[in-house]
Amino acid sequence: MKKRILLAAIFILPVALFTYFWFNSARENQFSAPENKTSQDAAVAGALAKQNSNTVAIIESNFARVQPMPSRLGSASAGSSLAPSGPQASLQFTNFSPAIVLENMSRAIHQFGTMFGGNPVGTNPEITSQLTGNNPKHINFLNAEAGMRVNTNGELVDPWGTPYFFHQLSGTDMEIHSAGPDRIMWTTDDLVSK
């Protein structure tokens, strides 16, 4: 009886292991995506080609100012942090603290959301249009005296003249991103308000 159990275990164990690894590797091969950048770019281009022009415009607007991450973040032994990537710009539109202007922007969007049951949506010019009166009640939520300025392209701009980046977190929460004094998005001096 013990011999039969031992022989069965010796026979069944390798078969079970072989079956497990064979199915596991087949499943990994089935779900693995192409790893080269060219095929990924082609897949994205194909997906964008199937979208309507308004959707593509929104996507392009949201990612137009995204800067690639630096390939090296600095030497770990030096212990230094990233320095701003561009020259510091002086305030162009207001003498208010940039943090106060950003808070005023956040408050205007919150007021819009409270009145209409949700934040304005779209690209920066679309959000600006809604905040300046292109809404059901034709109310202007922006106050130039509070540092909220619109450039000639119809975009809300930070105190340095760079358009804000609006990131919709939910129907009632929006992140407002200012490029900061170096006027380059996604660097260490950026200001963010939720």
N, C-alpha and C. Protein backbone atom coordinates (compact mmCIF):
# COMPACT_ATOMS: atom_id res chain seq x y z
N MET A 1 0.81 -1.18 0.00
CA MET A 1 0.00 0.00 0.00
C MET A 1 0.87 1.26 0.00
N LYS A 2 1.92 1.26 0.81
CA LYS A 2 2.81 2.41 0.87
C LYS A 2 3.54 2.59 -0.45
N LYS A 3 3.88 1.43 -1.11
CA LYS A 3 4.57 1.53 -2.40
C LYS A 3 3.67 2.19 -3.44
N ARG A 4 2.42 1.84 -3.44
CA ARG A 4 1.49 2.43 -4.42
C ARG A 4 1.35 3.94 -4.22
N ILE A 5 1.25 4.36 -2.97
CA ILE A 5 1.14 5.79 -2.67
C ILE A 5 2.41 6.50 -3.09
N LEU A 6 3.56 5.91 -2.80
CA LEU A 6 4.84 6.50 -3.16
C LEU A 6 4.98 6.58 -4.68
N LEU A 7 4.63 5.50 -5.40
CA LEU A 7 4.69 5.52 -6.86
C LEU A 7 3.71 6.54 -7.44
N ALA A 8 2.51 6.61 -6.86
CA ALA A 8 1.53 7.58 -7.34
C ALA A 8 2.04 9.01 -7.12
N ALA A 9 2.65 9.26 -5.96
CA ALA A 9 3.20 10.59 -5.67
C ALA A 9 4.34 10.92 -6.62
N ILE A 10 5.22 9.95 -6.89
CA ILE A 10 6.34 10.18 -7.80
C ILE A 10 5.83 10.47 -9.21
N PHE A 11 4.78 9.82 -9.64
CA PHE A 11 4.23 10.03 -10.97
C PHE A 11 3.39 11.32 -11.04
N ILE A 12 2.55 11.56 -10.06
CA ILE A 12 1.62 12.69 -10.08
C ILE A 12 2.33 14.02 -9.86
N LEU A 13 3.31 14.07 -8.98
CA LEU A 13 4.00 15.32 -8.68
C LEU A 13 4.66 15.94 -9.91
N PRO A 14 5.46 15.20 -10.70
CA PRO A 14 6.04 15.83 -11.90
C PRO A 14 4.98 16.26 -12.91
N VAL A 15 3.93 15.45 -13.07
CA VAL A 15 2.87 15.82 -14.02
C VAL A 15 2.18 17.11 -13.54
N ALA A 16 1.91 17.20 -12.25
CA ALA A 16 1.26 18.39 -11.70
C ALA A 16 2.15 19.62 -11.87
N LEU A 17 3.43 19.49 -11.57
CA LEU A 17 4.35 20.61 -11.74
C LEU A 17 4.46 21.03 -13.21
N PHE A 18 4.58 20.06 -14.10
CA PHE A 18 4.67 20.36 -15.53
C PHE A 18 3.41 21.10 -15.99
N THR A 19 2.24 20.61 -15.59
CA THR A 19 0.98 21.22 -15.98
C THR A 19 0.87 22.65 -15.44
N TYR A 20 1.25 22.85 -14.19
CA TYR A 20 1.18 24.17 -13.57
C TYR A 20 2.05 25.16 -14.32
N PHE A 21 3.31 24.82 -14.53
CA PHE A 21 4.22 25.75 -15.20
C PHE A 21 3.85 25.96 -16.67
N TRP A 22 3.34 24.93 -17.34
CA TRP A 22 2.97 25.07 -18.73
C TRP A 22 1.79 26.04 -18.88
N PHE A 23 0.74 25.88 -18.04
CA PHE A 23 -0.40 26.78 -18.10
C PHE A 23 -0.02 28.19 -17.67
N ASN A 24 0.83 28.33 -16.68
CA ASN A 24 1.24 29.64 -16.19
C ASN A 24 2.02 30.41 -17.26
N SER A 25 2.94 29.75 -17.94
CA SER A 25 3.72 30.43 -18.98
C SER A 25 2.84 30.76 -20.18
N ALA A 26 1.89 29.91 -20.51
CA ALA A 26 0.98 30.19 -21.63
C ALA A 26 0.12 31.41 -21.31
N ARG A 27 -0.31 31.54 -20.06
CA ARG A 27 -1.14 32.69 -19.67
C ARG A 27 -0.32 33.98 -19.72
N GLU A 28 0.94 33.96 -19.28
CA GLU A 28 1.78 35.14 -19.34
C GLU A 28 2.00 35.58 -20.78
N ASN A 29 2.25 34.62 -21.68
CA ASN A 29 2.45 34.97 -23.08
C ASN A 29 1.18 35.54 -23.70
N GLN A 30 0.03 35.07 -23.28
CA GLN A 30 -1.23 35.54 -23.82
C GLN A 30 -1.48 37.00 -23.46
N PHE A 31 -1.12 37.42 -22.24
CA PHE A 31 -1.43 38.76 -21.78
C PHE A 31 -0.27 39.73 -21.88
N SER A 32 0.87 39.33 -22.37
CA SER A 32 1.99 40.27 -22.45
C SER A 32 1.77 41.23 -23.59
N ALA A 33 2.00 42.51 -23.32
CA ALA A 33 1.81 43.57 -24.32
C ALA A 33 3.12 43.80 -25.06
N PRO A 34 3.04 44.37 -26.24
CA PRO A 34 4.26 44.68 -26.96
C PRO A 34 5.08 45.68 -26.15
N GLU A 35 6.35 45.45 -26.05
CA GLU A 35 7.19 46.26 -25.19
C GLU A 35 7.90 47.40 -25.91
N ASN A 36 7.91 47.41 -27.23
CA ASN A 36 8.67 48.48 -27.87
C ASN A 36 7.81 49.72 -28.04
N LYS A 37 8.45 50.87 -27.98
CA LYS A 37 7.77 52.16 -28.00
C LYS A 37 7.05 52.41 -29.32
N THR A 38 7.61 51.94 -30.42
CA THR A 38 7.00 52.17 -31.72
C THR A 38 5.61 51.54 -31.80
N SER A 39 5.50 50.31 -31.34
CA SER A 39 4.18 49.66 -31.40
C SER A 39 3.20 50.31 -30.44
N GLN A 40 3.68 50.79 -29.29
CA GLN A 40 2.79 51.49 -28.36
C GLN A 40 2.31 52.80 -28.96
N ASP A 41 3.23 53.55 -29.59
CA ASP A 41 2.84 54.80 -30.22
C ASP A 41 1.84 54.56 -31.35
N ALA A 42 2.03 53.49 -32.11
CA ALA A 42 1.10 53.17 -33.19
C ALA A 42 -0.27 52.82 -32.63
N ALA A 43 -0.30 52.10 -31.51
CA ALA A 43 -1.58 51.74 -30.90
C ALA A 43 -2.31 52.99 -30.41
N VAL A 44 -1.59 53.93 -29.79
CA VAL A 44 -2.19 55.17 -29.33
C VAL A 44 -2.70 55.99 -30.51
N ALA A 45 -1.88 56.09 -31.56
CA ALA A 45 -2.30 56.85 -32.75
C ALA A 45 -3.55 56.24 -33.37
N GLY A 46 -3.61 54.92 -33.41
CA GLY A 46 -4.80 54.25 -33.94
C GLY A 46 -6.03 54.53 -33.10
N ALA A 47 -5.87 54.53 -31.78
CA ALA A 47 -7.01 54.82 -30.89
C ALA A 47 -7.46 56.26 -31.04
N LEU A 48 -6.50 57.18 -31.17
CA LEU A 48 -6.86 58.59 -31.34
C LEU A 48 -7.55 58.84 -32.67
N ALA A 49 -7.16 58.10 -33.71
CA ALA A 49 -7.77 58.27 -35.03
C ALA A 49 -9.25 57.91 -35.01
N LYS A 50 -9.65 57.05 -34.09
CA LYS A 50 -11.04 56.62 -34.00
C LYS A 50 -11.90 57.58 -33.18
N GLN A 51 -11.27 58.57 -32.50
CA GLN A 51 -12.00 59.50 -31.65
C GLN A 51 -12.47 60.71 -32.46
N ASN A 52 -13.46 61.42 -31.91
CA ASN A 52 -13.89 62.64 -32.60
C ASN A 52 -12.89 63.76 -32.32
N SER A 53 -12.93 64.81 -33.10
CA SER A 53 -11.93 65.88 -33.03
C SER A 53 -11.96 66.61 -31.70
N ASN A 54 -13.12 66.76 -31.06
CA ASN A 54 -13.18 67.43 -29.76
C ASN A 54 -12.43 66.64 -28.70
N THR A 55 -12.59 65.33 -28.70
CA THR A 55 -11.89 64.49 -27.72
C THR A 55 -10.39 64.58 -27.92
N VAL A 56 -9.95 64.52 -29.17
CA VAL A 56 -8.52 64.60 -29.46
C VAL A 56 -7.97 65.96 -29.04
N ALA A 57 -8.72 67.04 -29.27
CA ALA A 57 -8.27 68.37 -28.87
C ALA A 57 -8.11 68.48 -27.36
N ILE A 58 -9.04 67.89 -26.62
CA ILE A 58 -8.95 67.92 -25.15
C ILE A 58 -7.72 67.14 -24.69
N ILE A 59 -7.50 65.97 -25.26
CA ILE A 59 -6.35 65.16 -24.87
C ILE A 59 -5.06 65.90 -25.19
N GLU A 60 -4.97 66.46 -26.39
CA GLU A 60 -3.75 67.18 -26.76
C GLU A 60 -3.52 68.39 -25.88
N SER A 61 -4.58 69.11 -25.53
CA SER A 61 -4.46 70.28 -24.67
C SER A 61 -3.98 69.89 -23.28
N ASN A 62 -4.52 68.80 -22.76
CA ASN A 62 -4.14 68.38 -21.41
C ASN A 62 -2.70 67.92 -21.32
N PHE A 63 -2.14 67.40 -22.41
CA PHE A 63 -0.79 66.89 -22.34
C PHE A 63 0.22 67.74 -23.10
N ALA A 64 -0.20 68.88 -23.64
CA ALA A 64 0.71 69.71 -24.42
C ALA A 64 1.84 70.26 -23.58
N ARG A 65 1.57 70.56 -22.33
CA ARG A 65 2.60 71.19 -21.49
C ARG A 65 3.31 70.20 -20.57
N VAL A 66 3.03 68.93 -20.72
CA VAL A 66 3.67 67.93 -19.87
C VAL A 66 5.12 67.78 -20.32
N GLN A 67 6.03 67.97 -19.39
CA GLN A 67 7.45 67.83 -19.68
C GLN A 67 7.91 66.43 -19.31
N PRO A 68 8.79 65.82 -20.10
CA PRO A 68 9.28 64.49 -19.72
C PRO A 68 10.11 64.58 -18.44
N MET A 69 10.08 63.50 -17.68
CA MET A 69 10.87 63.44 -16.47
C MET A 69 12.34 63.42 -16.84
N PRO A 70 13.20 64.08 -16.05
CA PRO A 70 14.62 64.01 -16.34
C PRO A 70 15.11 62.58 -16.22
N SER A 71 16.08 62.21 -17.07
CA SER A 71 16.57 60.85 -17.05
C SER A 71 17.37 60.57 -15.79
N ARG A 72 18.05 61.59 -15.27
CA ARG A 72 18.79 61.42 -14.02
C ARG A 72 18.29 62.45 -13.03
N LEU A 73 18.00 62.01 -11.85
CA LEU A 73 17.50 62.92 -10.82
C LEU A 73 18.62 63.48 -9.98
N GLY A 74 19.85 63.27 -10.35
CA GLY A 74 20.97 63.77 -9.58
C GLY A 74 21.66 62.65 -8.83
N SER A 75 22.83 62.93 -8.38
CA SER A 75 23.62 61.93 -7.68
C SER A 75 23.08 61.72 -6.27
N ALA A 76 22.90 60.49 -5.90
CA ALA A 76 22.40 60.18 -4.55
C ALA A 76 23.43 60.56 -3.50
N SER A 77 24.73 60.45 -3.84
CA SER A 77 25.75 60.78 -2.86
C SER A 77 25.86 62.28 -2.63
N ALA A 78 25.47 63.08 -3.64
CA ALA A 78 25.54 64.52 -3.48
C ALA A 78 24.41 65.03 -2.59
N GLY A 79 23.30 64.30 -2.55
CA GLY A 79 22.17 64.68 -1.70
C GLY A 79 21.47 65.95 -2.17
N SER A 80 21.60 66.29 -3.43
CA SER A 80 20.98 67.51 -3.92
C SER A 80 19.60 67.21 -4.47
N SER A 81 18.77 68.22 -4.49
CA SER A 81 17.44 68.07 -5.07
C SER A 81 17.43 68.75 -6.43
N LEU A 82 16.36 68.54 -7.17
CA LEU A 82 16.24 69.15 -8.48
C LEU A 82 16.16 70.66 -8.35
N ALA A 83 16.90 71.35 -9.19
CA ALA A 83 16.82 72.80 -9.24
C ALA A 83 15.79 73.17 -10.29
N PRO A 84 15.19 74.35 -10.19
CA PRO A 84 14.27 74.76 -11.23
C PRO A 84 14.96 74.74 -12.59
N SER A 85 14.22 74.36 -13.64
CA SER A 85 14.82 74.16 -14.93
C SER A 85 15.00 75.42 -15.75
N GLY A 86 14.34 76.48 -15.40
CA GLY A 86 14.43 77.68 -16.21
C GLY A 86 14.71 78.89 -15.36
N PRO A 87 14.91 80.03 -16.02
CA PRO A 87 15.15 81.24 -15.25
C PRO A 87 13.90 81.66 -14.48
N GLN A 88 14.11 82.26 -13.34
CA GLN A 88 13.00 82.73 -12.53
C GLN A 88 12.38 83.95 -13.21
N ALA A 89 11.09 83.96 -13.36
CA ALA A 89 10.39 85.06 -13.99
C ALA A 89 9.75 85.93 -12.91
N SER A 90 9.69 87.23 -13.18
CA SER A 90 9.03 88.11 -12.22
C SER A 90 7.52 88.03 -12.44
N LEU A 91 6.78 88.43 -11.43
CA LEU A 91 5.32 88.41 -11.52
C LEU A 91 4.89 89.40 -12.60
N GLN A 92 3.98 88.97 -13.47
CA GLN A 92 3.57 89.81 -14.59
C GLN A 92 2.23 90.48 -14.36
N PHE A 93 1.32 89.83 -13.67
CA PHE A 93 -0.05 90.30 -13.65
C PHE A 93 -0.53 90.84 -12.32
N THR A 94 0.16 90.55 -11.26
CA THR A 94 -0.36 90.95 -9.95
C THR A 94 0.78 91.03 -8.95
N ASN A 95 0.52 91.77 -7.89
CA ASN A 95 1.48 91.81 -6.79
C ASN A 95 1.02 90.95 -5.62
N PHE A 96 -0.11 90.24 -5.80
CA PHE A 96 -0.57 89.30 -4.78
C PHE A 96 0.40 88.13 -4.72
N SER A 97 0.47 87.51 -3.58
CA SER A 97 1.25 86.28 -3.43
C SER A 97 0.68 85.23 -4.38
N PRO A 98 1.53 84.48 -5.10
CA PRO A 98 1.02 83.45 -6.00
C PRO A 98 0.12 82.43 -5.29
N ALA A 99 0.41 82.13 -4.03
CA ALA A 99 -0.42 81.19 -3.28
C ALA A 99 -1.82 81.77 -3.07
N ILE A 100 -1.91 83.09 -2.85
CA ILE A 100 -3.21 83.75 -2.69
C ILE A 100 -3.99 83.72 -4.00
N VAL A 101 -3.31 83.98 -5.10
CA VAL A 101 -3.98 83.95 -6.42
C VAL A 101 -4.50 82.55 -6.70
N LEU A 102 -3.69 81.53 -6.39
CA LEU A 102 -4.12 80.15 -6.61
C LEU A 102 -5.31 79.80 -5.72
N GLU A 103 -5.30 80.29 -4.49
CA GLU A 103 -6.43 80.08 -3.59
C GLU A 103 -7.68 80.78 -4.13
N ASN A 104 -7.52 81.98 -4.68
CA ASN A 104 -8.66 82.69 -5.28
C ASN A 104 -9.21 81.91 -6.47
N MET A 105 -8.34 81.31 -7.29
CA MET A 105 -8.78 80.49 -8.42
C MET A 105 -9.58 79.29 -7.91
N SER A 106 -9.05 78.64 -6.89
CA SER A 106 -9.71 77.48 -6.31
C SER A 106 -11.09 77.86 -5.76
N ARG A 107 -11.17 79.02 -5.13
CA ARG A 107 -12.43 79.49 -4.57
C ARG A 107 -13.44 79.78 -5.68
N ALA A 108 -13.00 80.37 -6.79
CA ALA A 108 -13.90 80.66 -7.92
C ALA A 108 -14.46 79.37 -8.51
N ILE A 109 -13.61 78.36 -8.65
CA ILE A 109 -14.08 77.08 -9.18
C ILE A 109 -15.04 76.41 -8.20
N HIS A 110 -14.75 76.53 -6.92
CA HIS A 110 -15.65 75.97 -5.90
C HIS A 110 -17.02 76.66 -5.94
N GLN A 111 -17.01 77.98 -6.11
CA GLN A 111 -18.28 78.72 -6.19
C GLN A 111 -19.08 78.28 -7.41
N PHE A 112 -18.39 78.11 -8.54
CA PHE A 112 -19.05 77.62 -9.75
C PHE A 112 -19.67 76.25 -9.47
N GLY A 113 -18.88 75.35 -8.87
CA GLY A 113 -19.36 74.01 -8.57
C GLY A 113 -20.54 73.99 -7.63
N THR A 114 -20.54 74.88 -6.64
CA THR A 114 -21.66 74.96 -5.71
C THR A 114 -22.92 75.44 -6.42
N MET A 115 -22.77 76.41 -7.29
CA MET A 115 -23.94 76.97 -7.98
C MET A 115 -24.52 76.01 -9.02
N PHE A 116 -23.65 75.28 -9.74
CA PHE A 116 -24.11 74.45 -10.85
C PHE A 116 -24.02 72.95 -10.58
N GLY A 117 -23.65 72.56 -9.39
CA GLY A 117 -23.64 71.15 -9.03
C GLY A 117 -22.46 70.37 -9.58
N GLY A 118 -21.41 71.04 -10.01
CA GLY A 118 -20.21 70.37 -10.52
C GLY A 118 -19.25 71.39 -11.10
N ASN A 119 -18.01 71.00 -11.19
CA ASN A 119 -16.97 71.90 -11.69
C ASN A 119 -17.13 72.17 -13.18
N PRO A 120 -16.55 73.27 -13.66
CA PRO A 120 -16.47 73.46 -15.10
C PRO A 120 -15.52 72.40 -15.66
N VAL A 121 -15.78 71.95 -16.87
CA VAL A 121 -14.96 70.89 -17.45
C VAL A 121 -14.43 71.31 -18.81
N GLY A 122 -13.36 70.66 -19.24
CA GLY A 122 -12.80 70.90 -20.55
C GLY A 122 -11.36 71.37 -20.47
N THR A 123 -10.93 71.99 -21.54
CA THR A 123 -9.58 72.53 -21.60
C THR A 123 -9.53 73.84 -20.84
N ASN A 124 -8.35 74.42 -20.69
CA ASN A 124 -8.22 75.69 -19.99
C ASN A 124 -9.12 76.77 -20.62
N PRO A 125 -9.11 76.96 -21.96
CA PRO A 125 -10.00 77.98 -22.53
C PRO A 125 -11.49 77.68 -22.31
N GLU A 126 -11.87 76.41 -22.33
CA GLU A 126 -13.27 76.05 -22.09
C GLU A 126 -13.68 76.33 -20.64
N ILE A 127 -12.79 76.01 -19.71
CA ILE A 127 -13.06 76.28 -18.30
C ILE A 127 -13.11 77.79 -18.08
N THR A 128 -12.19 78.53 -18.70
CA THR A 128 -12.17 79.98 -18.58
C THR A 128 -13.47 80.58 -19.11
N SER A 129 -13.92 80.09 -20.24
CA SER A 129 -15.17 80.58 -20.83
C SER A 129 -16.35 80.37 -19.88
N GLN A 130 -16.41 79.21 -19.26
CA GLN A 130 -17.51 78.92 -18.33
C GLN A 130 -17.44 79.82 -17.09
N LEU A 131 -16.20 80.08 -16.62
CA LEU A 131 -16.04 80.91 -15.43
C LEU A 131 -16.28 82.39 -15.71
N THR A 132 -16.13 82.81 -16.98
CA THR A 132 -16.32 84.22 -17.30
C THR A 132 -17.72 84.55 -17.78
N GLY A 133 -18.65 83.62 -17.69
CA GLY A 133 -20.03 83.94 -17.99
C GLY A 133 -20.70 83.05 -19.00
N ASN A 134 -19.98 82.18 -19.66
CA ASN A 134 -20.59 81.24 -20.60
C ASN A 134 -21.13 80.05 -19.82
N ASN A 135 -22.11 80.34 -18.96
CA ASN A 135 -22.75 79.32 -18.11
C ASN A 135 -24.24 79.63 -18.08
N PRO A 136 -25.07 78.73 -17.56
CA PRO A 136 -26.52 78.93 -17.62
C PRO A 136 -27.03 80.23 -17.00
N LYS A 137 -26.33 80.75 -16.00
CA LYS A 137 -26.80 81.98 -15.35
C LYS A 137 -25.98 83.21 -15.77
N HIS A 138 -25.05 83.04 -16.69
CA HIS A 138 -24.22 84.14 -17.22
C HIS A 138 -23.51 84.91 -16.10
N ILE A 139 -22.95 84.18 -15.14
CA ILE A 139 -22.26 84.78 -14.00
C ILE A 139 -20.76 84.71 -14.25
N ASN A 140 -20.09 85.82 -13.99
CA ASN A 140 -18.63 85.88 -14.08
C ASN A 140 -18.05 85.59 -12.70
N PHE A 141 -17.32 84.48 -12.59
CA PHE A 141 -16.73 84.08 -11.30
C PHE A 141 -15.32 84.60 -11.13
N LEU A 142 -14.75 85.21 -12.15
CA LEU A 142 -13.36 85.66 -12.09
C LEU A 142 -13.29 87.14 -11.71
N ASN A 143 -12.30 87.47 -10.92
CA ASN A 143 -12.09 88.84 -10.47
C ASN A 143 -10.65 89.22 -10.75
N ALA A 144 -10.44 90.12 -11.70
CA ALA A 144 -9.08 90.52 -12.06
C ALA A 144 -8.36 91.18 -10.89
N GLU A 145 -9.11 91.84 -10.02
CA GLU A 145 -8.50 92.49 -8.86
C GLU A 145 -7.98 91.47 -7.84
N ALA A 146 -8.42 90.22 -7.94
CA ALA A 146 -7.94 89.16 -7.06
C ALA A 146 -6.79 88.38 -7.71
N GLY A 147 -6.28 88.90 -8.83
CA GLY A 147 -5.13 88.28 -9.47
C GLY A 147 -5.48 87.27 -10.54
N MET A 148 -6.76 87.08 -10.83
CA MET A 148 -7.18 86.09 -11.83
C MET A 148 -7.18 86.76 -13.20
N ARG A 149 -6.25 86.35 -14.05
CA ARG A 149 -6.09 86.98 -15.34
C ARG A 149 -6.29 85.97 -16.48
N VAL A 150 -6.73 86.49 -17.62
CA VAL A 150 -6.94 85.70 -18.82
C VAL A 150 -6.03 86.27 -19.90
N ASN A 151 -5.28 85.38 -20.59
CA ASN A 151 -4.39 85.85 -21.65
C ASN A 151 -5.15 86.04 -22.96
N THR A 152 -4.45 86.43 -24.02
CA THR A 152 -5.10 86.70 -25.31
C THR A 152 -5.64 85.43 -25.96
N ASN A 153 -5.20 84.26 -25.52
CA ASN A 153 -5.73 82.99 -26.04
C ASN A 153 -6.96 82.52 -25.28
N GLY A 154 -7.43 83.34 -24.34
CA GLY A 154 -8.61 82.96 -23.56
C GLY A 154 -8.31 81.92 -22.49
N GLU A 155 -7.06 81.87 -22.01
CA GLU A 155 -6.65 80.90 -20.98
C GLU A 155 -6.42 81.64 -19.66
N LEU A 156 -6.83 81.01 -18.57
CA LEU A 156 -6.49 81.53 -17.25
C LEU A 156 -4.99 81.32 -17.04
N VAL A 157 -4.31 82.35 -16.57
CA VAL A 157 -2.86 82.26 -16.40
C VAL A 157 -2.47 82.57 -14.96
N ASP A 158 -1.35 82.00 -14.56
CA ASP A 158 -0.84 82.24 -13.22
C ASP A 158 -0.16 83.62 -13.16
N PRO A 159 0.31 84.05 -12.00
CA PRO A 159 0.92 85.38 -11.88
C PRO A 159 2.15 85.60 -12.76
N TRP A 160 2.74 84.53 -13.29
CA TRP A 160 3.91 84.66 -14.17
C TRP A 160 3.51 84.63 -15.64
N GLY A 161 2.23 84.47 -15.93
CA GLY A 161 1.75 84.49 -17.30
C GLY A 161 1.65 83.13 -17.97
N THR A 162 1.85 82.05 -17.23
CA THR A 162 1.77 80.70 -17.79
C THR A 162 0.36 80.15 -17.57
N PRO A 163 -0.25 79.55 -18.60
CA PRO A 163 -1.60 78.99 -18.41
C PRO A 163 -1.62 77.91 -17.33
N TYR A 164 -2.68 77.93 -16.55
CA TYR A 164 -2.88 76.90 -15.53
C TYR A 164 -3.17 75.57 -16.21
N PHE A 165 -2.85 74.47 -15.52
CA PHE A 165 -3.24 73.13 -15.93
C PHE A 165 -4.32 72.68 -14.96
N PHE A 166 -5.50 72.35 -15.49
CA PHE A 166 -6.62 71.91 -14.67
C PHE A 166 -6.75 70.40 -14.77
N HIS A 167 -6.76 69.73 -13.62
CA HIS A 167 -6.90 68.27 -13.59
C HIS A 167 -8.15 67.94 -12.80
N GLN A 168 -9.14 67.42 -13.50
CA GLN A 168 -10.41 67.07 -12.87
C GLN A 168 -10.22 65.79 -12.05
N LEU A 169 -10.35 65.86 -10.73
CA LEU A 169 -10.21 64.69 -9.86
C LEU A 169 -11.53 63.95 -9.71
N SER A 170 -12.63 64.71 -9.68
CA SER A 170 -13.98 64.15 -9.62
C SER A 170 -14.93 65.25 -10.08
N GLY A 171 -16.21 65.01 -9.99
CA GLY A 171 -17.17 66.01 -10.41
C GLY A 171 -17.12 67.28 -9.57
N THR A 172 -16.61 67.15 -8.35
CA THR A 172 -16.58 68.31 -7.46
C THR A 172 -15.18 68.69 -7.01
N ASP A 173 -14.17 67.92 -7.37
CA ASP A 173 -12.79 68.21 -6.98
C ASP A 173 -11.93 68.43 -8.21
N MET A 174 -11.18 69.54 -8.19
CA MET A 174 -10.30 69.85 -9.30
C MET A 174 -8.95 70.30 -8.75
N GLU A 175 -7.88 69.81 -9.36
CA GLU A 175 -6.54 70.24 -9.01
C GLU A 175 -6.13 71.32 -10.00
N ILE A 176 -5.61 72.44 -9.47
CA ILE A 176 -5.13 73.53 -10.31
C ILE A 176 -3.62 73.56 -10.18
N HIS A 177 -2.95 73.51 -11.31
CA HIS A 177 -1.50 73.40 -11.33
C HIS A 177 -0.90 74.64 -11.98
N SER A 178 -0.02 75.35 -11.26
CA SER A 178 0.69 76.50 -11.78
C SER A 178 2.14 76.10 -12.01
N ALA A 179 2.72 76.56 -13.11
CA ALA A 179 4.11 76.20 -13.44
C ALA A 179 5.12 76.86 -12.52
N GLY A 180 4.73 77.88 -11.79
CA GLY A 180 5.64 78.53 -10.87
C GLY A 180 6.56 79.51 -11.56
N PRO A 181 7.53 80.05 -10.82
CA PRO A 181 8.38 81.11 -11.36
C PRO A 181 9.28 80.71 -12.52
N ASP A 182 9.59 79.41 -12.67
CA ASP A 182 10.43 79.03 -13.81
C ASP A 182 9.61 78.87 -15.09
N ARG A 183 8.27 78.93 -14.95
CA ARG A 183 7.33 78.88 -16.06
C ARG A 183 7.38 77.56 -16.84
N ILE A 184 7.84 76.50 -16.19
CA ILE A 184 7.90 75.16 -16.80
C ILE A 184 7.12 74.21 -15.90
N MET A 185 6.13 73.51 -16.49
CA MET A 185 5.31 72.58 -15.71
C MET A 185 6.13 71.39 -15.25
N TRP A 186 5.72 70.82 -14.12
CA TRP A 186 6.23 69.58 -13.55
C TRP A 186 7.66 69.70 -13.06
N THR A 187 8.03 70.89 -12.55
CA THR A 187 9.32 71.04 -11.90
C THR A 187 9.07 71.31 -10.41
N THR A 188 10.14 71.42 -9.65
CA THR A 188 10.01 71.50 -8.19
C THR A 188 9.38 72.78 -7.67
N ASP A 189 9.33 73.83 -8.47
CA ASP A 189 8.76 75.08 -7.97
C ASP A 189 7.29 75.27 -8.30
N ASP A 190 6.66 74.26 -8.87
CA ASP A 190 5.23 74.34 -9.24
C ASP A 190 4.36 74.51 -8.01
N LEU A 191 3.24 75.20 -8.20
CA LEU A 191 2.24 75.37 -7.14
C LEU A 191 1.00 74.57 -7.51
N VAL A 192 0.42 73.87 -6.54
CA VAL A 192 -0.75 73.04 -6.79
C VAL A 192 -1.80 73.32 -5.73
N SER A 193 -3.05 73.45 -6.17
CA SER A 193 -4.16 73.66 -5.25
C SER A 193 -5.26 72.68 -5.60
N LYS A 194 -5.95 72.15 -4.59
CA LYS A 194 -7.08 71.24 -4.80
C LYS A 194 -8.34 71.86 -4.27
